[in-house]
PDB file of N, CA and C in Angstrom:
ATOM      1  N   GLY A   1      -0.957   5.846   7.705  1.00  0.00           N
ATOM      2  CA  GLY A   1      -2.354   6.239   7.900  1.00  0.00           C
ATOM      3  C   GLY A   1      -2.940   6.828   6.630  1.00  0.00           C
ATOM      4  N   HIS A   2      -4.219   6.702   6.469  1.00  0.00           N
ATOM      5  CA  HIS A   2      -4.948   7.245   5.297  1.00  0.00           C
ATOM      6  C   HIS A   2      -4.665   8.720   5.196  1.00  0.00           C
ATOM      7  N   ARG A   3      -4.173   9.173   4.098  1.00  0.00           N
ATOM      8  CA  ARG A   3      -3.871  10.555   3.824  1.00  0.00           C
ATOM      9  C   ARG A   3      -2.764  11.105   4.740  1.00  0.00           C
ATOM     10  N   ARG A   4      -1.902  10.231   5.246  1.00  0.00           N
ATOM     11  CA  ARG A   4      -0.765  10.600   6.043  1.00  0.00           C
ATOM     12  C   ARG A   4      -1.038  11.404   7.286  1.00  0.00           C
ATOM     13  N   LYS A   5      -2.146  11.220   7.909  1.00  0.00           N
ATOM     14  CA  LYS A   5      -2.402  11.928   9.192  1.00  0.00           C
ATOM     15  C   LYS A   5      -1.332  11.498  10.172  1.00  0.00           C
ATOM     16  N   ASN A   6      -1.028  10.218  10.181  1.00  0.00           N
ATOM     17  CA  ASN A   6       0.055   9.691  10.994  1.00  0.00           C
ATOM     18  C   ASN A   6       0.328   8.242  10.454  1.00  0.00           C
ATOM     19  N   TRP A   7       1.399   7.676  10.914  1.00  0.00           N
ATOM     20  CA  TRP A   7       1.748   6.354  10.464  1.00  0.00           C
ATOM     21  C   TRP A   7       1.124   5.319  11.435  1.00  0.00           C
ATOM     22  N   LYS A   8       0.541   4.277  10.876  1.00  0.00           N
ATOM     23  CA  LYS A   8      -0.018   3.217  11.700  1.00  0.00           C
ATOM     24  C   LYS A   8       0.373   1.855  11.120  1.00  0.00           C
ATOM     25  N   VAL A   9       0.568   0.907  12.006  1.00  0.00           N
ATOM     26  CA  VAL A   9       0.867  -0.465  11.554  1.00  0.00           C
ATOM     27  C   VAL A   9      -0.450  -1.082  11.142  1.00  0.00           C
ATOM     28  N   ARG A  10      -0.431  -1.721   9.955  1.00  0.00           N
ATOM     29  CA  ARG A  10      -1.613  -2.394   9.479  1.00  0.00           C
ATOM     30  C   ARG A  10      -1.227  -3.746   8.903  1.00  0.00           C
ATOM     31  N   LYS A  11      -2.149  -4.668   8.948  1.00  0.00           N
ATOM     32  CA  LYS A  11      -2.024  -5.959   8.265  1.00  0.00           C
ATOM     33  C   LYS A  11      -2.704  -5.848   6.933  1.00  0.00           C
ATOM     34  N   PHE A  12      -2.039  -6.247   5.856  1.00  0.00           N
ATOM     35  CA  PHE A  12      -2.605  -6.167   4.516  1.00  0.00           C
ATOM     36  C   PHE A  12      -2.853  -7.550   3.918  1.00  0.00           C
ATOM     37  N   VAL A  13      -3.952  -7.666   3.194  1.00  0.00           N
ATOM     38  CA  VAL A  13      -4.286  -8.874   2.476  1.00  0.00           C
ATOM     39  C   VAL A  13      -4.587  -8.479   1.011  1.00  0.00           C
ATOM     40  N   LEU A  14      -3.786  -9.070   0.122  1.00  0.00           N
ATOM     41  CA  LEU A  14      -3.913  -8.749  -1.342  1.00  0.00           C
ATOM     42  C   LEU A  14      -4.856  -9.809  -1.934  1.00  0.00           C
ATOM     43  N   ARG A  15      -5.866  -9.308  -2.641  1.00  0.00           N
ATOM     44  CA  ARG A  15      -6.828 -10.209  -3.335  1.00  0.00           C
ATOM     45  C   ARG A  15      -6.862  -9.894  -4.794  1.00  0.00           C
ATOM     46  N   GLU A  16      -6.975 -10.962  -5.628  1.00  0.00           N
ATOM     47  CA  GLU A  16      -6.960 -10.781  -7.065  1.00  0.00           C
ATOM     48  C   GLU A  16      -8.356 -10.642  -7.645  1.00  0.00           C
ATOM     49  N   ASP A  17      -9.337 -11.314  -7.052  1.00  0.00           N
ATOM     50  CA  ASP A  17     -10.705 -11.310  -7.597  1.00  0.00           C
ATOM     51  C   ASP A  17     -11.717 -11.079  -6.497  1.00  0.00           C
ATOM     52  N   PRO A  18     -12.102  -9.868  -6.282  1.00  0.00           N
ATOM     53  CA  PRO A  18     -11.763  -8.603  -6.965  1.00  0.00           C
ATOM     54  C   PRO A  18     -10.375  -8.092  -6.564  1.00  0.00           C
ATOM     55  N   ALA A  19      -9.814  -7.233  -7.367  1.00  0.00           N
ATOM     56  CA  ALA A  19      -8.485  -6.709  -7.191  1.00  0.00           C
ATOM     57  C   ALA A  19      -8.496  -5.596  -6.129  1.00  0.00           C
ATOM     58  N   TYR A  20      -8.240  -6.019  -4.866  1.00  0.00           N
ATOM     59  CA  TYR A  20      -8.238  -5.113  -3.746  1.00  0.00           C
ATOM     60  C   TYR A  20      -7.109  -5.421  -2.809  1.00  0.00           C
ATOM     61  N   LEU A  21      -6.618  -4.430  -2.140  1.00  0.00           N
ATOM     62  CA  LEU A  21      -5.677  -4.572  -0.996  1.00  0.00           C
ATOM     63  C   LEU A  21      -6.455  -4.169   0.243  1.00  0.00           C
ATOM     64  N   HIS A  22      -6.922  -5.149   1.024  1.00  0.00           N
ATOM     65  CA  HIS A  22      -7.657  -4.862   2.249  1.00  0.00           C
ATOM     66  C   HIS A  22      -6.672  -4.672   3.402  1.00  0.00           C
ATOM     67  N   TYR A  23      -7.015  -3.760   4.319  1.00  0.00           N
ATOM     68  CA  TYR A  23      -6.135  -3.556   5.466  1.00  0.00           C
ATOM     69  C   TYR A  23      -6.947  -3.704   6.771  1.00  0.00           C
ATOM     70  N   TYR A  24      -6.253  -4.273   7.747  1.00  0.00           N
ATOM     71  CA  TYR A  24      -6.840  -4.638   9.030  1.00  0.00           C
ATOM     72  C   TYR A  24      -6.010  -4.097  10.208  1.00  0.00           C
ATOM     73  N   ASP A  25      -6.625  -4.009  11.329  1.00  0.00           N
ATOM     74  CA  ASP A  25      -5.905  -3.709  12.583  1.00  0.00           C
ATOM     75  C   ASP A  25      -5.097  -4.941  12.933  1.00  0.00           C
ATOM     76  N   PRO A  26      -3.799  -4.814  13.153  1.00  0.00           N
ATOM     77  CA  PRO A  26      -2.972  -6.010  13.429  1.00  0.00           C
ATOM     78  C   PRO A  26      -3.258  -6.664  14.763  1.00  0.00           C
ATOM     79  N   ALA A  27      -3.975  -5.909  15.652  1.00  0.00           N
ATOM     80  CA  ALA A  27      -4.336  -6.464  16.973  1.00  0.00           C
ATOM     81  C   ALA A  27      -5.495  -7.421  16.894  1.00  0.00           C
ATOM     82  N   GLY A  28      -6.120  -7.503  15.713  1.00  0.00           N
ATOM     83  CA  GLY A  28      -7.244  -8.432  15.568  1.00  0.00           C
ATOM     84  C   GLY A  28      -8.397  -7.732  14.846  1.00  0.00           C
ATOM     85  N   GLY A  29      -9.480  -8.472  14.795  1.00  0.00           N
ATOM     86  CA  GLY A  29     -10.640  -7.910  14.100  1.00  0.00           C
ATOM     87  C   GLY A  29     -10.820  -8.604  12.756  1.00  0.00           C
ATOM     88  N   GLU A  30     -12.036  -9.082  12.531  1.00  0.00           N
ATOM     89  CA  GLU A  30     -12.334  -9.806  11.323  1.00  0.00           C
ATOM     90  C   GLU A  30     -12.677  -8.880  10.126  1.00  0.00           C
ATOM     91  N   GLU A  31     -13.192  -7.711  10.427  1.00  0.00           N
ATOM     92  CA  GLU A  31     -13.626  -6.789   9.406  1.00  0.00           C
ATOM     93  C   GLU A  31     -12.454  -5.903   9.021  1.00  0.00           C
ATOM     94  N   PRO A  32     -12.275  -5.702   7.686  1.00  0.00           N
ATOM     95  CA  PRO A  32     -11.200  -4.753   7.279  1.00  0.00           C
ATOM     96  C   PRO A  32     -11.526  -3.344   7.675  1.00  0.00           C
ATOM     97  N   LEU A  33     -10.523  -2.552   7.941  1.00  0.00           N
ATOM     98  CA  LEU A  33     -10.630  -1.143   8.225  1.00  0.00           C
ATOM     99  C   LEU A  33     -10.921  -0.363   6.930  1.00  0.00           C
ATOM    100  N   GLY A  34     -10.447  -0.937   5.826  1.00  0.00           N
ATOM    101  CA  GLY A  34     -10.626  -0.263   4.534  1.00  0.00           C
ATOM    102  C   GLY A  34     -10.039  -1.093   3.436  1.00  0.00           C
ATOM    103  N   ALA A  35     -10.117  -0.599   2.208  1.00  0.00           N
ATOM    104  CA  ALA A  35      -9.633  -1.321   1.051  1.00  0.00           C
ATOM    105  C   ALA A  35      -9.160  -0.345  -0.014  1.00  0.00           C
ATOM    106  N   ILE A  36      -8.194  -0.767  -0.781  1.00  0.00           N
ATOM    107  CA  ILE A  36      -7.680   0.024  -1.895  1.00  0.00           C
ATOM    108  C   ILE A  36      -7.987  -0.763  -3.159  1.00  0.00           C
ATOM    109  N   HIS A  37      -8.767  -0.140  -4.029  1.00  0.00           N
ATOM    110  CA  HIS A  37      -9.110  -0.815  -5.323  1.00  0.00           C
ATOM    111  C   HIS A  37      -7.884  -0.734  -6.233  1.00  0.00           C
ATOM    112  N   LEU A  38      -7.405  -1.881  -6.689  1.00  0.00           N
ATOM    113  CA  LEU A  38      -6.132  -1.933  -7.416  1.00  0.00           C
ATOM    114  C   LEU A  38      -6.284  -1.954  -8.963  1.00  0.00           C
ATOM    115  N   ARG A  39      -7.435  -2.256  -9.478  1.00  0.00           N
ATOM    116  CA  ARG A  39      -7.618  -2.353 -10.938  1.00  0.00           C
ATOM    117  C   ARG A  39      -7.220  -1.030 -11.556  1.00  0.00           C
ATOM    118  N   GLY A  40      -6.196  -1.065 -12.412  1.00  0.00           N
ATOM    119  CA  GLY A  40      -5.781   0.146 -13.129  1.00  0.00           C
ATOM    120  C   GLY A  40      -4.910   1.078 -12.283  1.00  0.00           C
ATOM    121  N   CYS A  41      -4.423   0.648 -11.120  1.00  0.00           N
ATOM    122  CA  CYS A  41      -3.637   1.522 -10.291  1.00  0.00           C
ATOM    123  C   CYS A  41      -2.184   1.526 -10.797  1.00  0.00           C
ATOM    124  N   VAL A  42      -1.418   2.475 -10.264  1.00  0.00           N
ATOM    125  CA  VAL A  42       0.013   2.552 -10.549  1.00  0.00           C
ATOM    126  C   VAL A  42       0.702   2.416  -9.180  1.00  0.00           C
ATOM    127  N   VAL A  43       1.724   1.580  -9.116  1.00  0.00           N
ATOM    128  CA  VAL A  43       2.470   1.400  -7.861  1.00  0.00           C
ATOM    129  C   VAL A  43       3.932   1.553  -8.154  1.00  0.00           C
ATOM    130  N   THR A  44       4.602   2.378  -7.334  1.00  0.00           N
ATOM    131  CA  THR A  44       6.035   2.663  -7.594  1.00  0.00           C
ATOM    132  C   THR A  44       6.744   2.788  -6.230  1.00  0.00           C
ATOM    133  N   ALA A  45       8.021   2.575  -6.265  1.00  0.00           N
ATOM    134  CA  ALA A  45       8.902   2.766  -5.117  1.00  0.00           C
ATOM    135  C   ALA A  45       9.036   4.302  -4.913  1.00  0.00           C
ATOM    136  N   VAL A  46       9.115   4.698  -3.634  1.00  0.00           N
ATOM    137  CA  VAL A  46       9.248   6.114  -3.299  1.00  0.00           C
ATOM    138  C   VAL A  46      10.568   6.272  -2.525  1.00  0.00           C
ATOM    139  N   GLU A  47      11.407   7.168  -3.020  1.00  0.00           N
ATOM    140  CA  GLU A  47      12.694   7.332  -2.356  1.00  0.00           C
ATOM    141  C   GLU A  47      12.665   8.418  -1.273  1.00  0.00           C
ATOM    142  N   GLU A  48      11.736   9.356  -1.387  1.00  0.00           N
ATOM    143  CA  GLU A  48      11.592  10.403  -0.385  1.00  0.00           C
ATOM    144  C   GLU A  48      10.155  10.742  -0.189  1.00  0.00           C
ATOM    145  N   MET A  49       9.720  10.831   1.031  1.00  0.00           N
ATOM    146  CA  MET A  49       8.313  11.119   1.318  1.00  0.00           C
ATOM    147  C   MET A  49       8.055  12.594   1.202  1.00  0.00           C
ATOM    148  N   PRO A  50       7.147  12.994   0.350  1.00  0.00           N
ATOM    149  CA  PRO A  50       6.844  14.427   0.242  1.00  0.00           C
ATOM    150  C   PRO A  50       6.211  14.975   1.519  1.00  0.00           C
ATOM    151  N   ASP A  51       6.621  16.137   1.950  1.00  0.00           N
ATOM    152  CA  ASP A  51       6.070  16.814   3.115  1.00  0.00           C
ATOM    153  C   ASP A  51       6.168  15.984   4.392  1.00  0.00           C
ATOM    154  N   SER A  52       7.160  15.157   4.461  1.00  0.00           N
ATOM    155  CA  SER A  52       7.263  14.256   5.633  1.00  0.00           C
ATOM    156  C   SER A  52       8.128  14.831   6.716  1.00  0.00           C
ATOM    157  N   LYS A  53       7.715  14.650   7.985  1.00  0.00           N
ATOM    158  CA  LYS A  53       8.541  14.987   9.099  1.00  0.00           C
ATOM    159  C   LYS A  53       9.370  13.787   9.535  1.00  0.00           C
ATOM    160  N   LYS A  54       8.996  12.614   9.100  1.00  0.00           N
ATOM    161  CA  LYS A  54       9.670  11.382   9.444  1.00  0.00           C
ATOM    162  C   LYS A  54      10.802  11.150   8.422  1.00  0.00           C
ATOM    163  N   GLN A  55      12.029  11.262   8.834  1.00  0.00           N
ATOM    164  CA  GLN A  55      13.154  11.131   7.931  1.00  0.00           C
ATOM    165  C   GLN A  55      13.841   9.748   7.993  1.00  0.00           C
ATOM    166  N   ASP A  56      13.388   8.865   8.903  1.00  0.00           N
ATOM    167  CA  ASP A  56      14.081   7.644   9.108  1.00  0.00           C
ATOM    168  C   ASP A  56      13.350   6.429   8.481  1.00  0.00           C
ATOM    169  N   VAL A  57      12.776   6.647   7.318  1.00  0.00           N
ATOM    170  CA  VAL A  57      12.024   5.545   6.694  1.00  0.00           C
ATOM    171  C   VAL A  57      12.873   4.608   5.868  1.00  0.00           C
ATOM    172  N   ASP A  58      14.186   4.843   5.797  1.00  0.00           N
ATOM    173  CA  ASP A  58      15.150   3.926   5.171  1.00  0.00           C
ATOM    174  C   ASP A  58      14.814   3.525   3.727  1.00  0.00           C
ATOM    175  N   ASN A  59      14.186   4.440   2.994  1.00  0.00           N
ATOM    176  CA  ASN A  59      13.906   4.172   1.560  1.00  0.00           C
ATOM    177  C   ASN A  59      13.189   2.859   1.335  1.00  0.00           C
ATOM    178  N   ILE A  60      12.184   2.556   2.143  1.00  0.00           N
ATOM    179  CA  ILE A  60      11.397   1.331   1.967  1.00  0.00           C
ATOM    180  C   ILE A  60       9.943   1.682   1.779  1.00  0.00           C
ATOM    181  N   LEU A  61       9.670   2.878   1.222  1.00  0.00           N
ATOM    182  CA  LEU A  61       8.325   3.323   0.950  1.00  0.00           C
ATOM    183  C   LEU A  61       7.893   2.959  -0.456  1.00  0.00           C
ATOM    184  N   PHE A  62       6.571   2.760  -0.629  1.00  0.00           N
ATOM    185  CA  PHE A  62       6.055   2.685  -1.964  1.00  0.00           C
ATOM    186  C   PHE A  62       4.675   3.376  -1.999  1.00  0.00           C
ATOM    187  N   GLU A  63       4.277   3.742  -3.192  1.00  0.00           N
ATOM    188  CA  GLU A  63       3.051   4.530  -3.370  1.00  0.00           C
ATOM    189  C   GLU A  63       2.106   3.790  -4.283  1.00  0.00           C
ATOM    190  N   ILE A  64       0.868   3.804  -3.961  1.00  0.00           N
ATOM    191  CA  ILE A  64      -0.179   3.265  -4.845  1.00  0.00           C
ATOM    192  C   ILE A  64      -1.062   4.468  -5.229  1.00  0.00           C
ATOM    193  N   ILE A  65      -1.215   4.653  -6.530  1.00  0.00           N
ATOM    194  CA  ILE A  65      -2.126   5.706  -7.023  1.00  0.00           C
ATOM    195  C   ILE A  65      -3.242   4.977  -7.730  1.00  0.00           C
ATOM    196  N   THR A  66      -4.432   5.132  -7.223  1.00  0.00           N
ATOM    197  CA  THR A  66      -5.617   4.412  -7.764  1.00  0.00           C
ATOM    198  C   THR A  66      -6.073   5.048  -9.076  1.00  0.00           C
ATOM    199  N   ALA A  67      -6.919   4.339  -9.760  1.00  0.00           N
ATOM    200  CA  ALA A  67      -7.484   4.853 -11.023  1.00  0.00           C
ATOM    201  C   ALA A  67      -8.273   6.172 -10.774  1.00  0.00           C
ATOM    202  N   ASN A  68      -8.741   6.393  -9.530  1.00  0.00           N
ATOM    203  CA  ASN A  68      -9.417   7.601  -9.159  1.00  0.00           C
ATOM    204  C   ASN A  68      -8.490   8.672  -8.613  1.00  0.00           C
ATOM    205  N   ASP A  69      -7.189   8.503  -8.811  1.00  0.00           N
ATOM    206  CA  ASP A  69      -6.151   9.429  -8.399  1.00  0.00           C
ATOM    207  C   ASP A  69      -6.055   9.641  -6.914  1.00  0.00           C
ATOM    208  N   VAL A  70      -6.323   8.594  -6.134  1.00  0.00           N
ATOM    209  CA  VAL A  70      -6.111   8.641  -4.691  1.00  0.00           C
ATOM    210  C   VAL A  70      -4.744   8.068  -4.443  1.00  0.00           C
ATOM    211  N   HIS A  71      -3.904   8.773  -3.626  1.00  0.00           N
ATOM    212  CA  HIS A  71      -2.558   8.375  -3.357  1.00  0.00           C
ATOM    213  C   HIS A  71      -2.424   7.733  -1.973  1.00  0.00           C
ATOM    214  N   TYR A  72      -1.817   6.553  -1.904  1.00  0.00           N
ATOM    215  CA  TYR A  72      -1.596   5.849  -0.646  1.00  0.00           C
ATOM    216  C   TYR A  72      -0.082   5.629  -0.533  1.00  0.00           C
ATOM    217  N   TYR A  73       0.503   5.970   0.562  1.00  0.00           N
ATOM    218  CA  TYR A  73       1.930   5.736   0.838  1.00  0.00           C
ATOM    219  C   TYR A  73       2.027   4.608   1.878  1.00  0.00           C
ATOM    220  N   LEU A  74       2.830   3.604   1.578  1.00  0.00           N
ATOM    221  CA  LEU A  74       3.000   2.474   2.530  1.00  0.00           C
ATOM    222  C   LEU A  74       4.470   2.258   2.734  1.00  0.00           C
ATOM    223  N   GLN A  75       4.788   1.733   3.899  1.00  0.00           N
ATOM    224  CA  GLN A  75       6.165   1.425   4.248  1.00  0.00           C
ATOM    225  C   GLN A  75       6.312  -0.049   4.453  1.00  0.00           C
ATOM    226  N   ALA A  76       7.232  -0.690   3.761  1.00  0.00           N
ATOM    227  CA  ALA A  76       7.450  -2.107   3.908  1.00  0.00           C
ATOM    228  C   ALA A  76       8.454  -2.321   5.080  1.00  0.00           C
ATOM    229  N   ALA A  77       8.643  -3.600   5.458  1.00  0.00           N
ATOM    230  CA  ALA A  77       9.556  -3.916   6.536  1.00  0.00           C
ATOM    231  C   ALA A  77      11.010  -3.967   6.060  1.00  0.00           C
ATOM    232  N   SER A  78      11.200  -4.171   4.743  1.00  0.00           N
ATOM    233  CA  SER A  78      12.557  -4.197   4.216  1.00  0.00           C
ATOM    234  C   SER A  78      12.496  -3.834   2.744  1.00  0.00           C
ATOM    235  N   ALA A  79      13.657  -3.623   2.136  1.00  0.00           N
ATOM    236  CA  ALA A  79      13.730  -3.315   0.703  1.00  0.00           C
ATOM    237  C   ALA A  79      13.261  -4.510  -0.112  1.00  0.00           C
ATOM    238  N   THR A  80      13.609  -5.717   0.307  1.00  0.00           N
ATOM    239  CA  THR A  80      13.178  -6.922  -0.397  1.00  0.00           C
ATOM    240  C   THR A  80      11.667  -7.058  -0.358  1.00  0.00           C
ATOM    241  N   GLU A  81      11.094  -6.848   0.826  1.00  0.00           N
ATOM    242  CA  GLU A  81       9.637  -6.922   0.974  1.00  0.00           C
ATOM    243  C   GLU A  81       8.964  -5.854   0.112  1.00  0.00           C
ATOM    244  N   ARG A  82       9.543  -4.650   0.085  1.00  0.00           N
ATOM    245  CA  ARG A  82       8.927  -3.588  -0.748  1.00  0.00           C
ATOM    246  C   ARG A  82       8.874  -4.037  -2.232  1.00  0.00           C
ATOM    247  N   THR A  83       9.969  -4.622  -2.728  1.00  0.00           N
ATOM    248  CA  THR A  83       9.978  -5.094  -4.125  1.00  0.00           C
ATOM    249  C   THR A  83       8.932  -6.175  -4.329  1.00  0.00           C
ATOM    250  N   GLU A  84       8.780  -7.077  -3.380  1.00  0.00           N
ATOM    251  CA  GLU A  84       7.783  -8.153  -3.528  1.00  0.00           C
ATOM    252  C   GLU A  84       6.373  -7.591  -3.519  1.00  0.00           C
ATOM    253  N   TRP A  85       6.061  -6.642  -2.678  1.00  0.00           N
ATOM    254  CA  TRP A  85       4.753  -6.023  -2.670  1.00  0.00           C
ATOM    255  C   TRP A  85       4.471  -5.289  -3.973  1.00  0.00           C
ATOM    256  N   ILE A  86       5.449  -4.525  -4.460  1.00  0.00           N
ATOM    257  CA  ILE A  86       5.262  -3.758  -5.695  1.00  0.00           C
ATOM    258  C   ILE A  86       4.967  -4.735  -6.857  1.00  0.00           C
ATOM    259  N   ARG A  87       5.738  -5.813  -6.978  1.00  0.00           N
ATOM    260  CA  ARG A  87       5.503  -6.787  -8.050  1.00  0.00           C
ATOM    261  C   ARG A  87       4.144  -7.455  -7.948  1.00  0.00           C
ATOM    262  N   ALA A  88       3.776  -7.832  -6.719  1.00  0.00           N
ATOM    263  CA  ALA A  88       2.465  -8.498  -6.524  1.00  0.00           C
ATOM    264  C   ALA A  88       1.343  -7.577  -6.839  1.00  0.00           C
ATOM    265  N   ILE A  89       1.420  -6.329  -6.375  1.00  0.00           N
ATOM    266  CA  ILE A  89       0.328  -5.351  -6.633  1.00  0.00           C
ATOM    267  C   ILE A  89       0.234  -5.042  -8.125  1.00  0.00           C
ATOM    268  N   GLN A  90       1.388  -4.889  -8.788  1.00  0.00           N
ATOM    269  CA  GLN A  90       1.383  -4.607 -10.236  1.00  0.00           C
ATOM    270  C   GLN A  90       0.698  -5.737 -10.984  1.00  0.00           C
ATOM    271  N   ALA A  91       0.980  -6.993 -10.599  1.00  0.00           N
ATOM    272  CA  ALA A  91       0.385  -8.138 -11.283  1.00  0.00           C
ATOM    273  C   ALA A  91      -1.142  -8.126 -11.085  1.00  0.00           C
ATOM    274  N   VAL A  92      -1.581  -7.888  -9.884  1.00  0.00           N
ATOM    275  CA  VAL A  92      -3.034  -7.854  -9.596  1.00  0.00           C
ATOM    276  C   VAL A  92      -3.709  -6.680 -10.305  1.00  0.00           C
ATOM    277  N   ALA A  93      -3.021  -5.511 -10.394  1.00  0.00           N
ATOM    278  CA  ALA A  93      -3.605  -4.374 -11.069  1.00  0.00           C
ATOM    279  C   ALA A  93      -3.806  -4.641 -12.560  1.00  0.00           C
ATOM    280  N   ARG A  94      -2.936  -5.473 -13.136  1.00  0.00           N
ATOM    281  CA  ARG A  94      -3.057  -5.805 -14.554  1.00  0.00           C
ATOM    282  C   ARG A  94      -4.109  -6.902 -14.842  1.00  0.00           C
ATOM    283  N   THR A  95      -4.106  -7.909 -13.966  1.00  0.00           N
ATOM    284  CA  THR A  95      -4.903  -9.068 -14.259  1.00  0.00           C
ATOM    285  C   THR A  95      -6.167  -9.255 -13.403  1.00  0.00           C
ATOM    286  N   GLY A  96      -6.250  -8.559 -12.272  1.00  0.00           N
ATOM    287  CA  GLY A  96      -7.363  -8.708 -11.354  1.00  0.00           C
ATOM    288  C   GLY A  96      -8.645  -8.063 -11.903  1.00  0.00           C
ATOM    289  N   LYS A  97      -9.741  -8.463 -11.307  1.00  0.00           N
ATOM    290  CA  LYS A  97     -11.043  -7.943 -11.754  1.00  0.00           C
ATOM    291  C   LYS A  97     -11.543  -6.861 -10.840  1.00  0.00           C
TER     292      LYS A  97
END
């Protein structure tokens, strides 16, 4: 969830032009619930969630820090998927508009 109020399942769509990661309610809906601007962001794997009560995240978290210093924590379905998301977001952050 935005700002870690709680964890929610979301569907994500990565776009290169413009460089955004849009997120949607997985139950449906055509309009995105929000978007993360990726141009100039930093994305890294997270081994431990700061201030987290949830300890069973299995080290599959990653963090996106936007150019405006907004921090987003996301959890992938697997370690392999986390690596794929990080690489894809890094590429868009460098080359996207």
